[in-house]
PDB file of N, CA and C in Angstrom:
ATOM      1  N   MET A   1       0.824  -1.194   0.000  1.00  0.00           N
ATOM      2  CA  MET A   1       0.000   0.000   0.000  1.00  0.00           C
ATOM      3  C   MET A   1       0.872   1.264   0.000  1.00  0.00           C
ATOM      4  N   ILE A   2       1.905   1.297   0.819  1.00  0.00           N
ATOM      5  CA  ILE A   2       2.793   2.460   0.890  1.00  0.00           C
ATOM      6  C   ILE A   2       3.509   2.669  -0.437  1.00  0.00           C
ATOM      7  N   THR A   3       3.923   1.578  -1.058  1.00  0.00           N
ATOM      8  CA  THR A   3       4.601   1.666  -2.351  1.00  0.00           C
ATOM      9  C   THR A   3       3.694   2.296  -3.396  1.00  0.00           C
ATOM     10  N   VAL A   4       2.435   1.910  -3.394  1.00  0.00           N
ATOM     11  CA  VAL A   4       1.471   2.474  -4.345  1.00  0.00           C
ATOM     12  C   VAL A   4       1.319   3.971  -4.116  1.00  0.00           C
ATOM     13  N   LEU A   5       1.215   4.380  -2.863  1.00  0.00           N
ATOM     14  CA  LEU A   5       1.074   5.803  -2.552  1.00  0.00           C
ATOM     15  C   LEU A   5       2.311   6.601  -2.959  1.00  0.00           C
ATOM     16  N   ILE A   6       3.475   6.047  -2.734  1.00  0.00           N
ATOM     17  CA  ILE A   6       4.712   6.732  -3.116  1.00  0.00           C
ATOM     18  C   ILE A   6       4.787   6.881  -4.627  1.00  0.00           C
ATOM     19  N   CYS A   7       4.475   5.824  -5.355  1.00  0.00           N
ATOM     20  CA  CYS A   7       4.516   5.875  -6.826  1.00  0.00           C
ATOM     21  C   CYS A   7       3.494   6.853  -7.370  1.00  0.00           C
ATOM     22  N   THR A   8       2.302   6.836  -6.803  1.00  0.00           N
ATOM     23  CA  THR A   8       1.250   7.740  -7.258  1.00  0.00           C
ATOM     24  C   THR A   8       1.628   9.182  -6.953  1.00  0.00           C
ATOM     25  N   GLY A   9       2.182   9.423  -5.789  1.00  0.00           N
ATOM     26  CA  GLY A   9       2.593  10.777  -5.400  1.00  0.00           C
ATOM     27  C   GLY A   9       3.679  11.327  -6.285  1.00  0.00           C
ATOM     28  N   SER A  10       4.641  10.498  -6.650  1.00  0.00           N
ATOM     29  CA  SER A  10       5.732  10.990  -7.497  1.00  0.00           C
ATOM     30  C   SER A  10       5.266  11.233  -8.917  1.00  0.00           C
ATOM     31  N   MET A  11       4.250  10.529  -9.357  1.00  0.00           N
ATOM     32  CA  MET A  11       3.737  10.724 -10.704  1.00  0.00           C
ATOM     33  C   MET A  11       2.889  11.987 -10.796  1.00  0.00           C
ATOM     34  N   ALA A  12       2.392  12.469  -9.676  1.00  0.00           N
ATOM     35  CA  ALA A  12       1.529  13.645  -9.675  1.00  0.00           C
ATOM     36  C   ALA A  12       2.244  14.881 -10.207  1.00  0.00           C
ATOM     37  N   HIS A  13       3.551  14.981  -9.989  1.00  0.00           N
ATOM     38  CA  HIS A  13       4.292  16.139 -10.450  1.00  0.00           C
ATOM     39  C   HIS A  13       5.290  15.791 -11.543  1.00  0.00           C
ATOM     40  N   ALA A  14       5.107  14.651 -12.175  1.00  0.00           N
ATOM     41  CA  ALA A  14       6.016  14.256 -13.249  1.00  0.00           C
ATOM     42  C   ALA A  14       5.967  15.303 -14.349  1.00  0.00           C
ATOM     43  N   GLN A  15       7.102  15.561 -14.949  1.00  0.00           N
ATOM     44  CA  GLN A  15       7.161  16.590 -15.964  1.00  0.00           C
ATOM     45  C   GLN A  15       6.873  16.004 -17.335  1.00  0.00           C
ATOM     46  N   LYS A  16       5.611  15.722 -17.509  1.00  0.00           N
ATOM     47  CA  LYS A  16       5.121  15.304 -18.814  1.00  0.00           C
ATOM     48  C   LYS A  16       4.556  16.556 -19.455  1.00  0.00           C
ATOM     49  N   VAL A  17       5.141  16.960 -20.554  1.00  0.00           N
ATOM     50  CA  VAL A  17       4.751  18.216 -21.180  1.00  0.00           C
ATOM     51  C   VAL A  17       4.255  17.982 -22.604  1.00  0.00           C
ATOM     52  N   PHE A  18       3.432  18.913 -23.040  1.00  0.00           N
ATOM     53  CA  PHE A  18       2.918  18.892 -24.403  1.00  0.00           C
ATOM     54  C   PHE A  18       3.155  20.268 -24.996  1.00  0.00           C
ATOM     55  N   SER A  19       3.696  20.305 -26.188  1.00  0.00           N
ATOM     56  CA  SER A  19       3.970  21.564 -26.865  1.00  0.00           C
ATOM     57  C   SER A  19       2.745  21.977 -27.679  1.00  0.00           C
ATOM     58  N   VAL A  20       2.122  23.092 -27.299  1.00  0.00           N
ATOM     59  CA  VAL A  20       0.911  23.575 -27.968  1.00  0.00           C
ATOM     60  C   VAL A  20       1.265  24.526 -29.110  1.00  0.00           C
ATOM     61  N   ASP A  21       0.306  24.765 -29.978  1.00  0.00           N
ATOM     62  CA  ASP A  21       0.517  25.596 -31.153  1.00  0.00           C
ATOM     63  C   ASP A  21       0.287  27.094 -30.910  1.00  0.00           C
ATOM     64  N   TYR A  22      -0.465  27.417 -29.866  1.00  0.00           N
ATOM     65  CA  TYR A  22      -0.809  28.810 -29.606  1.00  0.00           C
ATOM     66  C   TYR A  22      -0.515  29.172 -28.151  1.00  0.00           C
ATOM     67  N   SER A  23      -0.038  30.374 -27.920  1.00  0.00           N
ATOM     68  CA  SER A  23       0.319  30.791 -26.563  1.00  0.00           C
ATOM     69  C   SER A  23      -0.880  30.792 -25.620  1.00  0.00           C
ATOM     70  N   SER A  24      -2.066  31.050 -26.150  1.00  0.00           N
ATOM     71  CA  SER A  24      -3.265  31.076 -25.314  1.00  0.00           C
ATOM     72  C   SER A  24      -3.621  29.699 -24.752  1.00  0.00           C
ATOM     73  N   GLN A  25      -3.081  28.641 -25.334  1.00  0.00           N
ATOM     74  CA  GLN A  25      -3.348  27.279 -24.863  1.00  0.00           C
ATOM     75  C   GLN A  25      -2.365  26.830 -23.788  1.00  0.00           C
ATOM     76  N   ALA A  26      -1.330  27.607 -23.574  1.00  0.00           N
ATOM     77  CA  ALA A  26      -0.220  27.175 -22.717  1.00  0.00           C
ATOM     78  C   ALA A  26      -0.431  27.496 -21.245  1.00  0.00           C
ATOM     79  N   ASP A  27       0.124  26.602 -20.417  1.00  0.00           N
ATOM     80  CA  ASP A  27       0.225  26.870 -18.985  1.00  0.00           C
ATOM     81  C   ASP A  27       1.484  27.699 -18.721  1.00  0.00           C
ATOM     82  N   VAL A  28       2.519  27.424 -19.520  1.00  0.00           N
ATOM     83  CA  VAL A  28       3.803  28.092 -19.351  1.00  0.00           C
ATOM     84  C   VAL A  28       4.386  28.447 -20.719  1.00  0.00           C
ATOM     85  N   LYS A  29       4.838  29.691 -20.854  1.00  0.00           N
ATOM     86  CA  LYS A  29       5.521  30.115 -22.079  1.00  0.00           C
ATOM     87  C   LYS A  29       7.019  29.973 -21.864  1.00  0.00           C
ATOM     88  N   VAL A  30       7.664  29.287 -22.794  1.00  0.00           N
ATOM     89  CA  VAL A  30       9.059  28.888 -22.630  1.00  0.00           C
ATOM     90  C   VAL A  30       9.921  29.475 -23.746  1.00  0.00           C
ATOM     91  N   TYR A  31      11.115  29.911 -23.368  1.00  0.00           N
ATOM     92  CA  TYR A  31      12.095  30.381 -24.340  1.00  0.00           C
ATOM     93  C   TYR A  31      13.358  29.544 -24.167  1.00  0.00           C
ATOM     94  N   VAL A  32      13.893  29.071 -25.275  1.00  0.00           N
ATOM     95  CA  VAL A  32      15.119  28.278 -25.249  1.00  0.00           C
ATOM     96  C   VAL A  32      16.300  29.225 -25.452  1.00  0.00           C
ATOM     97  N   VAL A  33      17.155  29.301 -24.436  1.00  0.00           N
ATOM     98  CA  VAL A  33      18.317  30.185 -24.489  1.00  0.00           C
ATOM     99  C   VAL A  33      19.505  29.491 -25.154  1.00  0.00           C
ATOM    100  N   LYS A  34      20.466  30.287 -25.594  1.00  0.00           N
ATOM    101  CA  LYS A  34      21.640  29.748 -26.281  1.00  0.00           C
ATOM    102  C   LYS A  34      22.707  29.232 -25.329  1.00  0.00           C
ATOM    103  N   TYR A  35      22.746  29.813 -24.124  1.00  0.00           N
ATOM    104  CA  TYR A  35      23.797  29.460 -23.178  1.00  0.00           C
ATOM    105  C   TYR A  35      23.196  29.013 -21.855  1.00  0.00           C
ATOM    106  N   GLU A  36      23.808  28.016 -21.272  1.00  0.00           N
ATOM    107  CA  GLU A  36      23.340  27.446 -20.006  1.00  0.00           C
ATOM    108  C   GLU A  36      23.231  28.502 -18.910  1.00  0.00           C
ATOM    109  N   SER A  37      24.153  29.433 -18.887  1.00  0.00           N
ATOM    110  CA  SER A  37      24.176  30.459 -17.835  1.00  0.00           C
ATOM    111  C   SER A  37      22.973  31.401 -17.877  1.00  0.00           C
ATOM    112  N   GLN A  38      22.230  31.399 -18.979  1.00  0.00           N
ATOM    113  CA  GLN A  38      21.075  32.291 -19.137  1.00  0.00           C
ATOM    114  C   GLN A  38      19.758  31.659 -18.692  1.00  0.00           C
ATOM    115  N   CYS A  39      19.760  30.380 -18.382  1.00  0.00           N
ATOM    116  CA  CYS A  39      18.497  29.671 -18.166  1.00  0.00           C
ATOM    117  C   CYS A  39      18.037  29.663 -16.714  1.00  0.00           C
ATOM    118  N   ASP A  40      16.733  29.391 -16.558  1.00  0.00           N
ATOM    119  CA  ASP A  40      16.143  29.135 -15.245  1.00  0.00           C
ATOM    120  C   ASP A  40      16.180  27.635 -14.946  1.00  0.00           C
ATOM    121  N   LEU A  41      16.048  26.833 -16.019  1.00  0.00           N
ATOM    122  CA  LEU A  41      15.964  25.382 -15.880  1.00  0.00           C
ATOM    123  C   LEU A  41      16.752  24.695 -16.985  1.00  0.00           C
ATOM    124  N   LYS A  42      17.574  23.737 -16.591  1.00  0.00           N
ATOM    125  CA  LYS A  42      18.279  22.905 -17.565  1.00  0.00           C
ATOM    126  C   LYS A  42      17.421  21.664 -17.791  1.00  0.00           C
ATOM    127  N   VAL A  43      17.033  21.435 -19.047  1.00  0.00           N
ATOM    128  CA  VAL A  43      16.087  20.371 -19.388  1.00  0.00           C
ATOM    129  C   VAL A  43      16.777  19.249 -20.161  1.00  0.00           C
ATOM    130  N   TYR A  44      16.465  18.029 -19.749  1.00  0.00           N
ATOM    131  CA  TYR A  44      16.908  16.843 -20.482  1.00  0.00           C
ATOM    132  C   TYR A  44      15.663  16.139 -20.992  1.00  0.00           C
ATOM    133  N   LYS A  45      15.613  15.887 -22.288  1.00  0.00           N
ATOM    134  CA  LYS A  45      14.462  15.196 -22.880  1.00  0.00           C
ATOM    135  C   LYS A  45      14.647  13.693 -22.719  1.00  0.00           C
ATOM    136  N   VAL A  46      13.746  13.071 -21.956  1.00  0.00           N
ATOM    137  CA  VAL A  46      13.814  11.630 -21.755  1.00  0.00           C
ATOM    138  C   VAL A  46      13.046  10.919 -22.865  1.00  0.00           C
ATOM    139  N   LYS A  47      13.383   9.654 -23.097  1.00  0.00           N
ATOM    140  CA  LYS A  47      12.770   8.892 -24.185  1.00  0.00           C
ATOM    141  C   LYS A  47      11.470   8.221 -23.790  1.00  0.00           C
ATOM    142  N   TYR A  48      11.335   7.922 -22.502  1.00  0.00           N
ATOM    143  CA  TYR A  48      10.168   7.175 -22.036  1.00  0.00           C
ATOM    144  C   TYR A  48       9.449   7.916 -20.922  1.00  0.00           C
ATOM    145  N   GLU A  49       8.138   7.792 -20.898  1.00  0.00           N
ATOM    146  CA  GLU A  49       7.304   8.467 -19.907  1.00  0.00           C
ATOM    147  C   GLU A  49       7.726   8.125 -18.478  1.00  0.00           C
ATOM    148  N   SER A  50       8.125   6.893 -18.254  1.00  0.00           N
ATOM    149  CA  SER A  50       8.516   6.447 -16.915  1.00  0.00           C
ATOM    150  C   SER A  50       9.795   7.132 -16.417  1.00  0.00           C
ATOM    151  N   GLN A  51      10.542   7.759 -17.313  1.00  0.00           N
ATOM    152  CA  GLN A  51      11.776   8.448 -16.942  1.00  0.00           C
ATOM    153  C   GLN A  51      11.555   9.909 -16.581  1.00  0.00           C
ATOM    154  N   ALA A  52      10.335  10.401 -16.778  1.00  0.00           N
ATOM    155  CA  ALA A  52      10.041  11.808 -16.505  1.00  0.00           C
ATOM    156  C   ALA A  52      10.302  12.118 -15.045  1.00  0.00           C
ATOM    157  N   GLY A  53      10.866  13.270 -14.799  1.00  0.00           N
ATOM    158  CA  GLY A  53      11.264  13.639 -13.449  1.00  0.00           C
ATOM    159  C   GLY A  53      10.159  14.251 -12.623  1.00  0.00           C
ATOM    160  N   ASP A  54      10.487  14.525 -11.385  1.00  0.00           N
ATOM    161  CA  ASP A  54       9.573  15.146 -10.438  1.00  0.00           C
ATOM    162  C   ASP A  54       9.959  16.618 -10.275  1.00  0.00           C
ATOM    163  N   ASN A  55       9.673  17.399 -11.299  1.00  0.00           N
ATOM    164  CA  ASN A  55      10.008  18.821 -11.359  1.00  0.00           C
ATOM    165  C   ASN A  55      11.518  19.038 -11.192  1.00  0.00           C
ATOM    166  N   ASP A  56      12.282  18.204 -11.892  1.00  0.00           N
ATOM    167  CA  ASP A  56      13.740  18.288 -11.801  1.00  0.00           C
ATOM    168  C   ASP A  56      14.415  18.470 -13.163  1.00  0.00           C
ATOM    169  N   GLY A  57      13.631  18.824 -14.179  1.00  0.00           N
ATOM    170  CA  GLY A  57      14.211  19.104 -15.487  1.00  0.00           C
ATOM    171  C   GLY A  57      14.222  17.941 -16.450  1.00  0.00           C
ATOM    172  N   LYS A  58      13.696  16.804 -16.051  1.00  0.00           N
ATOM    173  CA  LYS A  58      13.615  15.660 -16.963  1.00  0.00           C
ATOM    174  C   LYS A  58      12.221  15.658 -17.570  1.00  0.00           C
ATOM    175  N   TRP A  59      12.151  16.053 -18.837  1.00  0.00           N
ATOM    176  CA  TRP A  59      10.870  16.215 -19.515  1.00  0.00           C
ATOM    177  C   TRP A  59      10.601  15.092 -20.493  1.00  0.00           C
ATOM    178  N   PHE A  60       9.344  14.667 -20.502  1.00  0.00           N
ATOM    179  CA  PHE A  60       8.854  13.735 -21.508  1.00  0.00           C
ATOM    180  C   PHE A  60       7.784  14.474 -22.302  1.00  0.00           C
ATOM    181  N   PHE A  61       7.970  14.561 -23.607  1.00  0.00           N
ATOM    182  CA  PHE A  61       6.990  15.229 -24.462  1.00  0.00           C
ATOM    183  C   PHE A  61       5.922  14.226 -24.882  1.00  0.00           C
ATOM    184  N   THR A  62       4.690  14.474 -24.461  1.00  0.00           N
ATOM    185  CA  THR A  62       3.582  13.571 -24.757  1.00  0.00           C
ATOM    186  C   THR A  62       3.054  13.807 -26.165  1.00  0.00           C
ATOM    187  N   GLN A  63       2.366  12.792 -26.659  1.00  0.00           N
ATOM    188  CA  GLN A  63       1.792  12.876 -28.001  1.00  0.00           C
ATOM    189  C   GLN A  63       0.480  13.659 -27.995  1.00  0.00           C
ATOM    190  N   TYR A  64      -0.214  13.615 -26.861  1.00  0.00           N
ATOM    191  CA  TYR A  64      -1.510  14.277 -26.752  1.00  0.00           C
ATOM    192  C   TYR A  64      -1.538  15.207 -25.535  1.00  0.00           C
ATOM    193  N   SER A  65      -2.254  16.283 -25.653  1.00  0.00           N
ATOM    194  CA  SER A  65      -2.379  17.275 -24.593  1.00  0.00           C
ATOM    195  C   SER A  65      -2.926  16.664 -23.304  1.00  0.00           C
ATOM    196  N   SER A  66      -3.890  15.781 -23.429  1.00  0.00           N
ATOM    197  CA  SER A  66      -4.539  15.176 -22.259  1.00  0.00           C
ATOM    198  C   SER A  66      -3.603  14.296 -21.440  1.00  0.00           C
ATOM    199  N   GLN A  67      -2.498  13.872 -22.021  1.00  0.00           N
ATOM    200  CA  GLN A  67      -1.538  13.021 -21.313  1.00  0.00           C
ATOM    201  C   GLN A  67      -0.527  13.838 -20.504  1.00  0.00           C
ATOM    202  N   SER A  68      -0.508  15.128 -20.716  1.00  0.00           N
ATOM    203  CA  SER A  68       0.533  15.957 -20.107  1.00  0.00           C
ATOM    204  C   SER A  68       0.113  16.541 -18.772  1.00  0.00           C
ATOM    205  N   LYS A  69       1.118  16.917 -17.995  1.00  0.00           N
ATOM    206  CA  LYS A  69       0.902  17.642 -16.739  1.00  0.00           C
ATOM    207  C   LYS A  69       0.882  19.145 -17.025  1.00  0.00           C
ATOM    208  N   LYS A  70       1.723  19.576 -17.956  1.00  0.00           N
ATOM    209  CA  LYS A  70       1.796  20.984 -18.329  1.00  0.00           C
ATOM    210  C   LYS A  70       1.835  21.138 -19.840  1.00  0.00           C
ATOM    211  N   LYS A  71       1.177  22.202 -20.309  1.00  0.00           N
ATOM    212  CA  LYS A  71       1.226  22.546 -21.726  1.00  0.00           C
ATOM    213  C   LYS A  71       2.185  23.735 -21.860  1.00  0.00           C
ATOM    214  N   VAL A  72       3.132  23.592 -22.766  1.00  0.00           N
ATOM    215  CA  VAL A  72       4.116  24.650 -22.955  1.00  0.00           C
ATOM    216  C   VAL A  72       4.029  25.206 -24.375  1.00  0.00           C
ATOM    217  N   TYR A  73       4.365  26.462 -24.471  1.00  0.00           N
ATOM    218  CA  TYR A  73       4.431  27.129 -25.778  1.00  0.00           C
ATOM    219  C   TYR A  73       5.821  27.743 -25.894  1.00  0.00           C
ATOM    220  N   PHE A  74       6.493  27.442 -26.986  1.00  0.00           N
ATOM    221  CA  PHE A  74       7.834  27.969 -27.211  1.00  0.00           C
ATOM    222  C   PHE A  74       7.735  29.320 -27.918  1.00  0.00           C
ATOM    223  N   VAL A  75       8.132  30.361 -27.209  1.00  0.00           N
ATOM    224  CA  VAL A  75       8.036  31.729 -27.730  1.00  0.00           C
ATOM    225  C   VAL A  75       9.291  32.083 -28.524  1.00  0.00           C
ATOM    226  N   ASP A  76       9.181  33.121 -29.333  1.00  0.00           N
ATOM    227  CA  ASP A  76      10.283  33.558 -30.184  1.00  0.00           C
ATOM    228  C   ASP A  76      11.228  34.541 -29.502  1.00  0.00           C
ATOM    229  N   TYR A  77      10.735  35.209 -28.466  1.00  0.00           N
ATOM    230  CA  TYR A  77      11.535  36.232 -27.802  1.00  0.00           C
ATOM    231  C   TYR A  77      11.589  35.998 -26.305  1.00  0.00           C
ATOM    232  N   GLU A  78      12.743  36.216 -25.728  1.00  0.00           N
ATOM    233  CA  GLU A  78      12.963  36.007 -24.299  1.00  0.00           C
ATOM    234  C   GLU A  78      11.989  36.801 -23.434  1.00  0.00           C
ATOM    235  N   SER A  79      11.657  38.000 -23.863  1.00  0.00           N
ATOM    236  CA  SER A  79      10.776  38.867 -23.088  1.00  0.00           C
ATOM    237  C   SER A  79       9.348  38.330 -22.983  1.00  0.00           C
ATOM    238  N   GLN A  80       8.985  37.404 -23.850  1.00  0.00           N
ATOM    239  CA  GLN A  80       7.638  36.822 -23.825  1.00  0.00           C
ATOM    240  C   GLN A  80       7.532  35.620 -22.896  1.00  0.00           C
ATOM    241  N   ALA A  81       8.652  35.151 -22.395  1.00  0.00           N
ATOM    242  CA  ALA A  81       8.698  33.881 -21.674  1.00  0.00           C
ATOM    243  C   ALA A  81       8.430  34.010 -20.180  1.00  0.00           C
ATOM    244  N   ASP A  82       7.781  32.972 -19.655  1.00  0.00           N
ATOM    245  CA  ASP A  82       7.643  32.808 -18.215  1.00  0.00           C
ATOM    246  C   ASP A  82       8.873  32.082 -17.670  1.00  0.00           C
ATOM    247  N   LEU A  83       9.441  31.216 -18.521  1.00  0.00           N
ATOM    248  CA  LEU A  83      10.526  30.340 -18.106  1.00  0.00           C
ATOM    249  C   LEU A  83      11.562  30.233 -19.222  1.00  0.00           C
ATOM    250  N   LYS A  84      12.830  30.375 -18.854  1.00  0.00           N
ATOM    251  CA  LYS A  84      13.917  30.220 -19.825  1.00  0.00           C
ATOM    252  C   LYS A  84      14.579  28.869 -19.581  1.00  0.00           C
ATOM    253  N   ILE A  85      14.688  28.069 -20.662  1.00  0.00           N
ATOM    254  CA  ILE A  85      15.279  26.738 -20.519  1.00  0.00           C
ATOM    255  C   ILE A  85      16.482  26.571 -21.441  1.00  0.00           C
ATOM    256  N   TYR A  86      17.276  25.589 -21.088  1.00  0.00           N
ATOM    257  CA  TYR A  86      18.424  25.208 -21.901  1.00  0.00           C
ATOM    258  C   TYR A  86      18.423  23.687 -21.962  1.00  0.00           C
ATOM    259  N   PHE A  87      18.465  23.132 -23.176  1.00  0.00           N
ATOM    260  CA  PHE A  87      18.473  21.687 -23.330  1.00  0.00           C
ATOM    261  C   PHE A  87      19.886  21.150 -23.142  1.00  0.00           C
ATOM    262  N   VAL A  88      20.025  20.187 -22.234  1.00  0.00           N
ATOM    263  CA  VAL A  88      21.322  19.586 -21.936  1.00  0.00           C
ATOM    264  C   VAL A  88      21.429  18.213 -22.596  1.00  0.00           C
ATOM    265  N   ASP A  89      22.656  17.733 -22.722  1.00  0.00           N
ATOM    266  CA  ASP A  89      22.913  16.463 -23.402  1.00  0.00           C
ATOM    267  C   ASP A  89      22.857  15.249 -22.490  1.00  0.00           C
ATOM    268  N   TYR A  90      22.985  15.473 -21.198  1.00  0.00           N
ATOM    269  CA  TYR A  90      23.034  14.350 -20.259  1.00  0.00           C
ATOM    270  C   TYR A  90      22.022  14.535 -19.136  1.00  0.00           C
ATOM    271  N   GLU A  91      21.415  13.449 -18.740  1.00  0.00           N
ATOM    272  CA  GLU A  91      20.392  13.460 -17.693  1.00  0.00           C
ATOM    273  C   GLU A  91      20.914  14.062 -16.389  1.00  0.00           C
ATOM    274  N   SER A  92      22.153  13.787 -16.062  1.00  0.00           N
ATOM    275  CA  SER A  92      22.740  14.280 -14.809  1.00  0.00           C
ATOM    276  C   SER A  92      22.894  15.799 -14.777  1.00  0.00           C
ATOM    277  N   GLN A  93      22.821  16.446 -15.918  1.00  0.00           N
ATOM    278  CA  GLN A  93      22.963  17.900 -15.984  1.00  0.00           C
ATOM    279  C   GLN A  93      21.648  18.640 -15.736  1.00  0.00           C
ATOM    280  N   ALA A  94      20.528  17.929 -15.803  1.00  0.00           N
ATOM    281  CA  ALA A  94      19.209  18.551 -15.670  1.00  0.00           C
ATOM    282  C   ALA A  94      19.001  19.101 -14.270  1.00  0.00           C
ATOM    283  N   GLY A  95      18.270  20.199 -14.193  1.00  0.00           N
ATOM    284  CA  GLY A  95      17.931  20.756 -12.885  1.00  0.00           C
ATOM    285  C   GLY A  95      17.709  22.257 -12.920  1.00  0.00           C
ATOM    286  N   TRP A  96      17.254  22.761 -11.803  1.00  0.00           N
ATOM    287  CA  TRP A  96      16.928  24.172 -11.674  1.00  0.00           C
ATOM    288  C   TRP A  96      18.157  25.023 -11.387  1.00  0.00           C
ATOM    289  N   ARG A  97      18.216  26.166 -12.027  1.00  0.00           N
ATOM    290  CA  ARG A  97      19.223  27.182 -11.723  1.00  0.00           C
ATOM    291  C   ARG A  97      18.556  28.343 -10.976  1.00  0.00           C
ATOM    292  N   ASN A  98      17.262  28.521 -11.188  1.00  0.00           N
ATOM    293  CA  ASN A  98      16.512  29.598 -10.551  1.00  0.00           C
ATOM    294  C   ASN A  98      15.310  28.984  -9.828  1.00  0.00           C
ATOM    295  N   ASN A  99      15.478  28.684  -8.559  1.00  0.00           N
ATOM    296  CA  ASN A  99      14.429  28.000  -7.787  1.00  0.00           C
ATOM    297  C   ASN A  99      13.145  28.806  -7.646  1.00  0.00           C
ATOM    298  N   SER A 100      13.199  30.104  -7.838  1.00  0.00           N
ATOM    299  CA  SER A 100      11.994  30.924  -7.701  1.00  0.00           C
ATOM    300  C   SER A 100      10.976  30.652  -8.806  1.00  0.00           C
ATOM    301  N   LYS A 101      11.405  29.999  -9.875  1.00  0.00           N
ATOM    302  CA  LYS A 101      10.502  29.690 -10.992  1.00  0.00           C
ATOM    303  C   LYS A 101       9.910  28.278 -10.894  1.00  0.00           C
ATOM    304  N   LYS A 102      10.322  27.514  -9.888  1.00  0.00           N
ATOM    305  CA  LYS A 102       9.879  26.132  -9.736  1.00  0.00           C
ATOM    306  C   LYS A 102       8.356  25.963  -9.726  1.00  0.00           C
ATOM    307  N   SER A 103       7.685  26.917  -9.131  1.00  0.00           N
ATOM    308  CA  SER A 103       6.230  26.820  -9.001  1.00  0.00           C
ATOM    309  C   SER A 103       5.508  26.827 -10.347  1.00  0.00           C
ATOM    310  N   LEU A 104       6.154  27.285 -11.390  1.00  0.00           N
ATOM    311  CA  LEU A 104       5.524  27.304 -12.719  1.00  0.00           C
ATOM    312  C   LEU A 104       5.189  25.906 -13.220  1.00  0.00           C
ATOM    313  N   LEU A 105       5.937  24.917 -12.767  1.00  0.00           N
ATOM    314  CA  LEU A 105       5.742  23.556 -13.273  1.00  0.00           C
ATOM    315  C   LEU A 105       5.063  22.627 -12.271  1.00  0.00           C
ATOM    316  N   TYR A 106       4.540  23.165 -11.169  1.00  0.00           N
ATOM    317  CA  TYR A 106       3.772  22.346 -10.225  1.00  0.00           C
ATOM    318  C   TYR A 106       2.322  22.399 -10.580  1.00  0.00           C
TER     319      TYR A 106
END
């Protein structure tokens, strides 16, 4: 029973995201920066849903909006963004650089 509760609890904040076509559909507007030092969150794209993190930068992009925890829209300009991200090459590099923005993905 405890194992089920722990698994269910960790899945509640899993970073399953869906990229929407219009900013009005998004929960969070995201801008991809060129340099790691400019970001709020370092993101690693995982291959499988089960690898999605608990608000730690490991994102799984879902095929359908209904499967996601958050809907994101990628903006063209930094000034339009709620969150600035940088895509990293290794899972161990993922994580927050600006903890004050963490609440955007809960």
